[in-house]
């Protein structure tokens, strides 16, 4: 770092996008995918709770698909984080929960989608515990995986120092 470059305690670009409309942020597709998965989970969970015999299987299948997508996104994000860790100081909180690495609106939306997924899955499984609807508890892996993917692809982290090796 040169002497004329100011040094602060935040990663480069951490809050530079906070004043931008949410649709113009990097990774808007990841945020939209999280919202789409949350909507799909809500639809099948409500249907499954209302009529578990007719829609319980659909709830289980959709939850399983969301879980599988979440696992792939999580592993993809983890792999990208490992690659980026060669040149940047990747933190677990920053990578998996966007702590100090994403604009506020992105953090709020992705964390909010995860919380809503957890609430939907918990309520559905609690109301219909011994049916296929209980498989809804698998679906929040989507939110966690997309958080990791966004953090790995678009998160801002401190650069590694020479002595970090």
C-alpha atoms as a PDB file:
ATOM      1  CA  UNK A   1       0.000   0.000   0.000  1.00  0.00           C
ATOM      2  CA  UNK A   2       1.462   3.400  -0.911  1.00  0.00           C
ATOM      3  CA  UNK A   3       1.852   6.253   1.563  1.00  0.00           C
ATOM      4  CA  UNK A   4      -0.739   8.419  -0.184  1.00  0.00           C
ATOM      5  CA  UNK A   5      -3.437   5.732   0.033  1.00  0.00           C
ATOM      6  CA  UNK A   6      -5.584   6.204   3.128  1.00  0.00           C
ATOM      7  CA  UNK A   7      -6.003   3.133   5.288  1.00  0.00           C
ATOM      8  CA  UNK A   8      -9.204   2.524   7.161  1.00  0.00           C
ATOM      9  CA  UNK A   9     -10.581  -0.327   9.216  1.00  0.00           C
ATOM     10  CA  UNK A  10     -13.162  -1.475   6.682  1.00  0.00           C
ATOM     11  CA  UNK A  11     -12.579  -3.756   3.699  1.00  0.00           C
ATOM     12  CA  UNK A  12     -12.244  -1.931   0.415  1.00  0.00           C
ATOM     13  CA  UNK A  13     -15.639  -1.249  -1.098  1.00  0.00           C
ATOM     14  CA  UNK A  14     -17.532  -2.412   2.012  1.00  0.00           C
ATOM     15  CA  UNK A  15     -20.054   0.404   2.102  1.00  0.00           C
ATOM     16  CA  UNK A  16     -19.553   1.970  -1.307  1.00  0.00           C
ATOM     17  CA  UNK A  17     -22.784   0.520  -2.634  1.00  0.00           C
ATOM     18  CA  UNK A  18     -25.007   1.354   0.365  1.00  0.00           C
ATOM     19  CA  UNK A  19     -26.606   4.350  -1.354  1.00  0.00           C
ATOM     20  CA  UNK A  20     -27.401   2.459  -4.551  1.00  0.00           C
ATOM     21  CA  UNK A  21     -30.844   1.008  -5.336  1.00  0.00           C
ATOM     22  CA  UNK A  22     -31.014  -2.679  -4.409  1.00  0.00           C
ATOM     23  CA  UNK A  23     -31.522  -3.796  -8.004  1.00  0.00           C
ATOM     24  CA  UNK A  24     -28.170  -2.353  -9.090  1.00  0.00           C
ATOM     25  CA  UNK A  25     -26.029  -4.187  -6.526  1.00  0.00           C
ATOM     26  CA  UNK A  26     -23.668  -6.910  -7.593  1.00  0.00           C
ATOM     27  CA  UNK A  27     -25.189 -10.338  -7.232  1.00  0.00           C
ATOM     28  CA  UNK A  28     -28.807  -9.261  -7.598  1.00  0.00           C
ATOM     29  CA  UNK A  29     -29.488 -12.627  -9.242  1.00  0.00           C
ATOM     30  CA  UNK A  30     -28.398 -14.442  -6.087  1.00  0.00           C
ATOM     31  CA  UNK A  31     -30.734 -12.280  -3.997  1.00  0.00           C
ATOM     32  CA  UNK A  32     -33.583 -12.876  -6.445  1.00  0.00           C
ATOM     33  CA  UNK A  33     -32.935 -16.628  -6.369  1.00  0.00           C
ATOM     34  CA  UNK A  34     -33.170 -16.545  -2.594  1.00  0.00           C
ATOM     35  CA  UNK A  35     -36.499 -14.724  -2.791  1.00  0.00           C
ATOM     36  CA  UNK A  36     -37.794 -17.145  -5.425  1.00  0.00           C
ATOM     37  CA  UNK A  37     -36.857 -20.130  -3.274  1.00  0.00           C
ATOM     38  CA  UNK A  38     -38.509 -18.533  -0.259  1.00  0.00           C
ATOM     39  CA  UNK A  39     -41.691 -17.969  -2.258  1.00  0.00           C
ATOM     40  CA  UNK A  40     -41.695 -21.538  -3.541  1.00  0.00           C
ATOM     41  CA  UNK A  41     -41.192 -22.866  -0.022  1.00  0.00           C
ATOM     42  CA  UNK A  42     -44.012 -20.699   1.296  1.00  0.00           C
ATOM     43  CA  UNK A  43     -46.405 -21.878  -1.413  1.00  0.00           C
ATOM     44  CA  UNK A  44     -45.768 -25.597  -0.979  1.00  0.00           C
ATOM     45  CA  UNK A  45     -45.571 -25.380   2.816  1.00  0.00           C
ATOM     46  CA  UNK A  46     -48.955 -23.672   3.070  1.00  0.00           C
ATOM     47  CA  UNK A  47     -50.468 -26.179   0.658  1.00  0.00           C
ATOM     48  CA  UNK A  48     -48.869 -29.054   2.546  1.00  0.00           C
ATOM     49  CA  UNK A  49     -50.100 -27.823   5.916  1.00  0.00           C
ATOM     50  CA  UNK A  50     -53.636 -27.347   4.611  1.00  0.00           C
ATOM     51  CA  UNK A  51     -53.802 -30.733   2.864  1.00  0.00           C
ATOM     52  CA  UNK A  52     -50.845 -32.975   3.713  1.00  0.00           C
ATOM     53  CA  UNK A  53     -52.286 -35.958   1.859  1.00  0.00           C
ATOM     54  CA  UNK A  54     -52.504 -34.096  -1.431  1.00  0.00           C
ATOM     55  CA  UNK A  55     -49.522 -31.738  -1.148  1.00  0.00           C
ATOM     56  CA  UNK A  56     -47.199 -33.348   1.385  1.00  0.00           C
ATOM     57  CA  UNK A  57     -45.217 -35.129  -1.322  1.00  0.00           C
ATOM     58  CA  UNK A  58     -44.889 -31.925  -3.335  1.00  0.00           C
ATOM     59  CA  UNK A  59     -43.664 -30.107  -0.222  1.00  0.00           C
ATOM     60  CA  UNK A  60     -41.053 -32.803   0.352  1.00  0.00           C
ATOM     61  CA  UNK A  61     -39.879 -32.745  -3.268  1.00  0.00           C
ATOM     62  CA  UNK A  62     -39.617 -28.949  -3.468  1.00  0.00           C
ATOM     63  CA  UNK A  63     -37.861 -28.847  -0.088  1.00  0.00           C
ATOM     64  CA  UNK A  64     -35.428 -31.501  -1.281  1.00  0.00           C
ATOM     65  CA  UNK A  65     -34.707 -29.570  -4.466  1.00  0.00           C
ATOM     66  CA  UNK A  66     -34.135 -26.351  -2.498  1.00  0.00           C
ATOM     67  CA  UNK A  67     -31.848 -28.288  -0.152  1.00  0.00           C
ATOM     68  CA  UNK A  68     -29.843 -29.687  -3.085  1.00  0.00           C
ATOM     69  CA  UNK A  69     -29.511 -26.256  -4.709  1.00  0.00           C
ATOM     70  CA  UNK A  70     -28.428 -24.865  -1.350  1.00  0.00           C
ATOM     71  CA  UNK A  71     -25.764 -27.547  -0.930  1.00  0.00           C
ATOM     72  CA  UNK A  72     -24.382 -26.843  -4.407  1.00  0.00           C
ATOM     73  CA  UNK A  73     -24.394 -23.075  -3.765  1.00  0.00           C
ATOM     74  CA  UNK A  74     -22.734 -23.567  -0.368  1.00  0.00           C
ATOM     75  CA  UNK A  75     -19.974 -25.765  -1.775  1.00  0.00           C
ATOM     76  CA  UNK A  76     -19.497 -23.412  -4.727  1.00  0.00           C
ATOM     77  CA  UNK A  77     -19.241 -20.476  -2.339  1.00  0.00           C
ATOM     78  CA  UNK A  78     -16.845 -22.356  -0.082  1.00  0.00           C
ATOM     79  CA  UNK A  79     -14.617 -23.287  -3.023  1.00  0.00           C
ATOM     80  CA  UNK A  80     -14.588 -19.685  -4.257  1.00  0.00           C
ATOM     81  CA  UNK A  81     -13.768 -18.531  -0.742  1.00  0.00           C
ATOM     82  CA  UNK A  82     -10.829 -20.928  -0.563  1.00  0.00           C
ATOM     83  CA  UNK A  83      -9.499 -19.614  -3.872  1.00  0.00           C
ATOM     84  CA  UNK A  84      -9.923 -15.986  -2.794  1.00  0.00           C
ATOM     85  CA  UNK A  85      -8.204 -16.702   0.540  1.00  0.00           C
ATOM     86  CA  UNK A  86      -4.876 -16.851  -1.269  1.00  0.00           C
ATOM     87  CA  UNK A  87      -4.951 -13.096  -1.768  1.00  0.00           C
ATOM     88  CA  UNK A  88      -7.561 -11.870   0.717  1.00  0.00           C
ATOM     89  CA  UNK A  89      -8.260 -12.363   4.423  1.00  0.00           C
ATOM     90  CA  UNK A  90     -11.493 -14.345   4.223  1.00  0.00           C
ATOM     91  CA  UNK A  91     -13.466 -14.529   7.472  1.00  0.00           C
ATOM     92  CA  UNK A  92     -16.140 -17.096   8.230  1.00  0.00           C
ATOM     93  CA  UNK A  93     -18.619 -14.430   9.304  1.00  0.00           C
ATOM     94  CA  UNK A  94     -17.905 -12.417   6.197  1.00  0.00           C
ATOM     95  CA  UNK A  95     -18.112 -15.359   3.838  1.00  0.00           C
ATOM     96  CA  UNK A  96     -21.142 -17.171   5.239  1.00  0.00           C
ATOM     97  CA  UNK A  97     -23.143 -14.334   6.859  1.00  0.00           C
ATOM     98  CA  UNK A  98     -21.841 -11.265   4.948  1.00  0.00           C
ATOM     99  CA  UNK A  99     -20.641  -9.616   8.140  1.00  0.00           C
ATOM    100  CA  UNK A 100     -18.930  -6.360   7.063  1.00  0.00           C
ATOM    101  CA  UNK A 101     -18.470  -7.663   3.512  1.00  0.00           C
ATOM    102  CA  UNK A 102     -21.685  -6.673   1.726  1.00  0.00           C
ATOM    103  CA  UNK A 103     -23.874  -3.587   1.380  1.00  0.00           C
ATOM    104  CA  UNK A 104     -26.520  -3.295   4.094  1.00  0.00           C
ATOM    105  CA  UNK A 105     -29.425  -3.918   1.730  1.00  0.00           C
ATOM    106  CA  UNK A 106     -27.873  -7.152   0.439  1.00  0.00           C
ATOM    107  CA  UNK A 107     -27.106  -8.371   3.975  1.00  0.00           C
ATOM    108  CA  UNK A 108     -30.640  -7.536   5.075  1.00  0.00           C
ATOM    109  CA  UNK A 109     -32.308  -9.242   2.131  1.00  0.00           C
ATOM    110  CA  UNK A 110     -30.254 -12.442   2.135  1.00  0.00           C
ATOM    111  CA  UNK A 111     -30.308 -12.839   5.919  1.00  0.00           C
ATOM    112  CA  UNK A 112     -34.009 -11.989   5.944  1.00  0.00           C
ATOM    113  CA  UNK A 113     -34.773 -14.620   3.318  1.00  0.00           C
ATOM    114  CA  UNK A 114     -32.885 -17.208   5.400  1.00  0.00           C
ATOM    115  CA  UNK A 115     -34.823 -16.264   8.543  1.00  0.00           C
ATOM    116  CA  UNK A 116     -38.147 -16.425   6.692  1.00  0.00           C
ATOM    117  CA  UNK A 117     -37.208 -19.847   5.271  1.00  0.00           C
ATOM    118  CA  UNK A 118     -36.372 -21.088   8.773  1.00  0.00           C
ATOM    119  CA  UNK A 119     -39.662 -19.778  10.171  1.00  0.00           C
ATOM    120  CA  UNK A 120     -41.733 -21.274   7.338  1.00  0.00           C
ATOM    121  CA  UNK A 121     -40.006 -24.645   7.641  1.00  0.00           C
ATOM    122  CA  UNK A 122     -40.276 -24.736  11.427  1.00  0.00           C
ATOM    123  CA  UNK A 123     -43.951 -23.810  11.451  1.00  0.00           C
ATOM    124  CA  UNK A 124     -44.836 -26.285   8.687  1.00  0.00           C
ATOM    125  CA  UNK A 125     -42.919 -29.125  10.332  1.00  0.00           C
ATOM    126  CA  UNK A 126     -44.422 -28.273  13.726  1.00  0.00           C
ATOM    127  CA  UNK A 127     -47.982 -28.269  12.427  1.00  0.00           C
ATOM    128  CA  UNK A 128     -47.566 -31.513  10.422  1.00  0.00           C
ATOM    129  CA  UNK A 129     -44.674 -33.314  12.158  1.00  0.00           C
ATOM    130  CA  UNK A 130     -45.349 -36.895  11.072  1.00  0.00           C
ATOM    131  CA  UNK A 131     -46.037 -36.202   7.415  1.00  0.00           C
ATOM    132  CA  UNK A 132     -43.946 -35.462   4.352  1.00  0.00           C
ATOM    133  CA  UNK A 133     -44.459 -31.755   5.104  1.00  0.00           C
ATOM    134  CA  UNK A 134     -41.820 -32.076   7.827  1.00  0.00           C
ATOM    135  CA  UNK A 135     -39.190 -32.332   5.087  1.00  0.00           C
ATOM    136  CA  UNK A 136     -39.573 -28.560   4.798  1.00  0.00           C
ATOM    137  CA  UNK A 137     -36.830 -28.267   7.431  1.00  0.00           C
ATOM    138  CA  UNK A 138     -34.312 -29.089   4.684  1.00  0.00           C
ATOM    139  CA  UNK A 139     -35.174 -26.034   2.576  1.00  0.00           C
ATOM    140  CA  UNK A 140     -33.371 -23.295   4.570  1.00  0.00           C
ATOM    141  CA  UNK A 141     -30.088 -24.718   3.287  1.00  0.00           C
ATOM    142  CA  UNK A 142     -30.908 -22.689   0.176  1.00  0.00           C
ATOM    143  CA  UNK A 143     -30.676 -19.429   2.095  1.00  0.00           C
ATOM    144  CA  UNK A 144     -27.439 -20.425   3.790  1.00  0.00           C
ATOM    145  CA  UNK A 145     -25.903 -21.610   0.525  1.00  0.00           C
ATOM    146  CA  UNK A 146     -26.834 -18.428  -1.322  1.00  0.00           C
ATOM    147  CA  UNK A 147     -25.371 -16.310   1.498  1.00  0.00           C
ATOM    148  CA  UNK A 148     -22.090 -18.195   1.081  1.00  0.00           C
ATOM    149  CA  UNK A 149     -22.213 -17.891  -2.690  1.00  0.00           C
ATOM    150  CA  UNK A 150     -22.826 -14.136  -2.582  1.00  0.00           C
ATOM    151  CA  UNK A 151     -20.067 -13.634  -0.013  1.00  0.00           C
ATOM    152  CA  UNK A 152     -17.562 -15.635  -2.014  1.00  0.00           C
ATOM    153  CA  UNK A 153     -18.332 -14.026  -5.345  1.00  0.00           C
ATOM    154  CA  UNK A 154     -19.052 -10.429  -4.411  1.00  0.00           C
ATOM    155  CA  UNK A 155     -17.972  -9.888  -0.798  1.00  0.00           C
ATOM    156  CA  UNK A 156     -15.234  -7.399  -0.020  1.00  0.00           C
ATOM    157  CA  UNK A 157     -12.385  -8.555   2.210  1.00  0.00           C
ATOM    158  CA  UNK A 158      -9.076  -7.108   3.357  1.00  0.00           C
ATOM    159  CA  UNK A 159      -6.100  -7.922   1.156  1.00  0.00           C
ATOM    160  CA  UNK A 160      -3.513 -10.285   2.636  1.00  0.00           C
ATOM    161  CA  UNK A 161      -0.333  -8.728   3.983  1.00  0.00           C
ATOM    162  CA  UNK A 162       3.036 -10.046   2.857  1.00  0.00           C
ATOM    163  CA  UNK A 163       3.667 -11.513   6.319  1.00  0.00           C
ATOM    164  CA  UNK A 164       0.364 -13.446   6.209  1.00  0.00           C
ATOM    165  CA  UNK A 165       2.039 -15.852   3.802  1.00  0.00           C
END
